Protein backbone atom coordinates (compact mmCIF):
# COMPACT_ATOMS: atom_id res chain seq x y z
CA MET A 1 -10.34 -11.40 -6.68
CA ARG A 2 -11.77 -8.82 -4.33
CA TRP A 3 -10.35 -5.86 -2.44
CA VAL A 4 -10.26 -6.34 1.35
CA ALA A 5 -8.19 -3.51 2.86
CA ASP A 6 -5.66 -0.75 2.30
CA ILE A 7 -2.62 -0.33 4.54
CA LYS A 8 -1.53 3.30 4.64
CA HIS A 9 2.04 4.11 3.75
CA GLU A 10 3.70 7.33 2.59
CA VAL A 11 5.68 5.74 -0.26
CA TYR A 12 4.03 2.47 -1.27
CA LYS A 13 0.49 1.55 -2.19
CA ILE A 14 -0.29 -1.47 0.00
CA VAL A 15 -3.45 -3.48 -0.60
CA VAL A 16 -4.87 -6.70 0.81
CA LEU A 17 -6.91 -8.74 -1.65
CA GLN A 18 -8.75 -12.03 -1.31
CA MET A 19 -8.70 -14.66 -4.01
CA GLY A 20 -10.53 -17.83 -3.06
CA GLU A 21 -8.92 -19.31 0.02
CA ARG A 22 -5.95 -16.91 -0.06
CA PHE A 23 -5.10 -13.40 1.01
CA LEU A 24 -2.79 -11.47 -1.30
CA LEU A 25 -0.61 -8.72 0.12
CA GLN A 26 0.30 -6.43 -2.77
CA ILE A 27 2.89 -3.64 -2.44
CA GLU A 28 3.31 -1.23 -5.36
CA ASP A 29 6.08 1.25 -6.08
CA GLY A 30 5.35 2.90 -9.42
CA SER A 31 5.60 0.26 -12.13
CA LEU A 32 6.93 -2.42 -9.78
CA VAL A 33 4.82 -4.75 -7.63
CA GLN A 34 5.61 -7.32 -4.96
CA THR A 35 2.86 -9.81 -4.10
CA PHE A 36 2.69 -12.34 -1.28
CA LYS A 37 0.05 -15.07 -1.04
CA PHE A 38 -1.15 -16.51 2.27
CA LYS A 39 -3.49 -19.44 2.87
CA ILE A 40 -6.62 -18.68 4.89
CA PRO A 41 -6.79 -19.66 7.77
CA GLU A 42 -3.65 -21.82 8.06
CA GLU A 43 -1.06 -19.08 7.54
CA LEU A 44 -2.98 -15.88 8.29
CA PRO A 45 -6.56 -16.20 9.51
CA TYR A 46 -7.67 -12.55 9.24
CA VAL A 47 -6.70 -9.17 7.78
CA ALA A 48 -5.60 -7.70 11.13
CA ALA A 49 -2.89 -10.39 11.29
CA ILE A 50 -1.50 -9.15 7.97
CA LYS A 51 -1.60 -5.51 9.09
CA GLU A 52 0.32 -6.42 12.27
CA LYS A 53 3.11 -8.01 10.26
CA VAL A 54 3.60 -5.07 7.89
CA ASP A 55 6.08 -3.34 10.20
CA GLU A 56 9.27 -1.32 9.70
CA THR A 57 11.46 -4.43 9.50
CA PHE A 58 9.28 -5.94 6.78
CA LEU A 59 9.11 -2.64 4.88
CA LYS A 60 12.91 -2.26 4.97
CA GLU A 61 13.20 -5.62 3.20
CA ILE A 62 10.52 -4.56 0.73
CA SER A 63 12.51 -1.40 0.03
CA LEU A 64 15.67 -3.42 -0.65
CA ASN A 65 13.75 -5.70 -3.00
CA PHE A 66 12.36 -2.72 -4.89
CA ARG A 67 15.85 -1.26 -5.25
CA GLN A 68 17.08 -4.53 -6.76
CA MET A 69 14.01 -4.77 -8.99
CA LYS A 70 14.56 -1.22 -10.29
CA GLN A 71 18.18 -2.07 -11.13
CA MET A 72 17.09 -5.24 -12.94
CA ARG A 73 14.37 -3.34 -14.81
CA ASN A 74 16.88 -0.70 -15.93
CA ARG A 75 19.35 -3.36 -17.11
CA PHE A 76 16.53 -5.07 -18.97
CA LEU A 77 15.43 -1.85 -20.67
CA ASN A 78 18.99 -0.85 -21.53
CA HIS A 79 19.93 -4.23 -22.96
CA SER A 80 20.97 -3.65 -26.55
CA GLU A 81 19.73 -6.14 -29.07
CA SER A 82 21.92 -7.31 -31.90
CA SER A 83 20.51 -7.04 -35.41
CA GLU A 84 20.05 -10.83 -35.40
CA ASP A 85 17.63 -10.54 -32.44
CA MET A 86 15.55 -7.79 -34.05
CA PHE A 87 14.28 -9.70 -37.08
CA PRO A 88 12.97 -13.24 -37.32
CA GLU A 89 14.77 -15.61 -39.62
CA ILE A 90 12.90 -16.04 -42.90
CA LEU A 91 13.23 -19.37 -44.62
């Protein structure tokens, strides 16, 4: 996997990577990451095409996804385990 480009944004770290015959668009918000894979050249032939599509409408959806992911992460971290879940059963 190799780095191809950064897309500047005031909140998110946005990176374009290339892995074989695919571009990966990776958006990071702290400990959360959203990644999209695109076939080269069928879906997106060049990096400029990706940069064009990262617009306000797309980023609003990304923001909503991150909000949901943060809520899920918090629920996951706050899930209380019962004593049965904490120790394996010994036979």
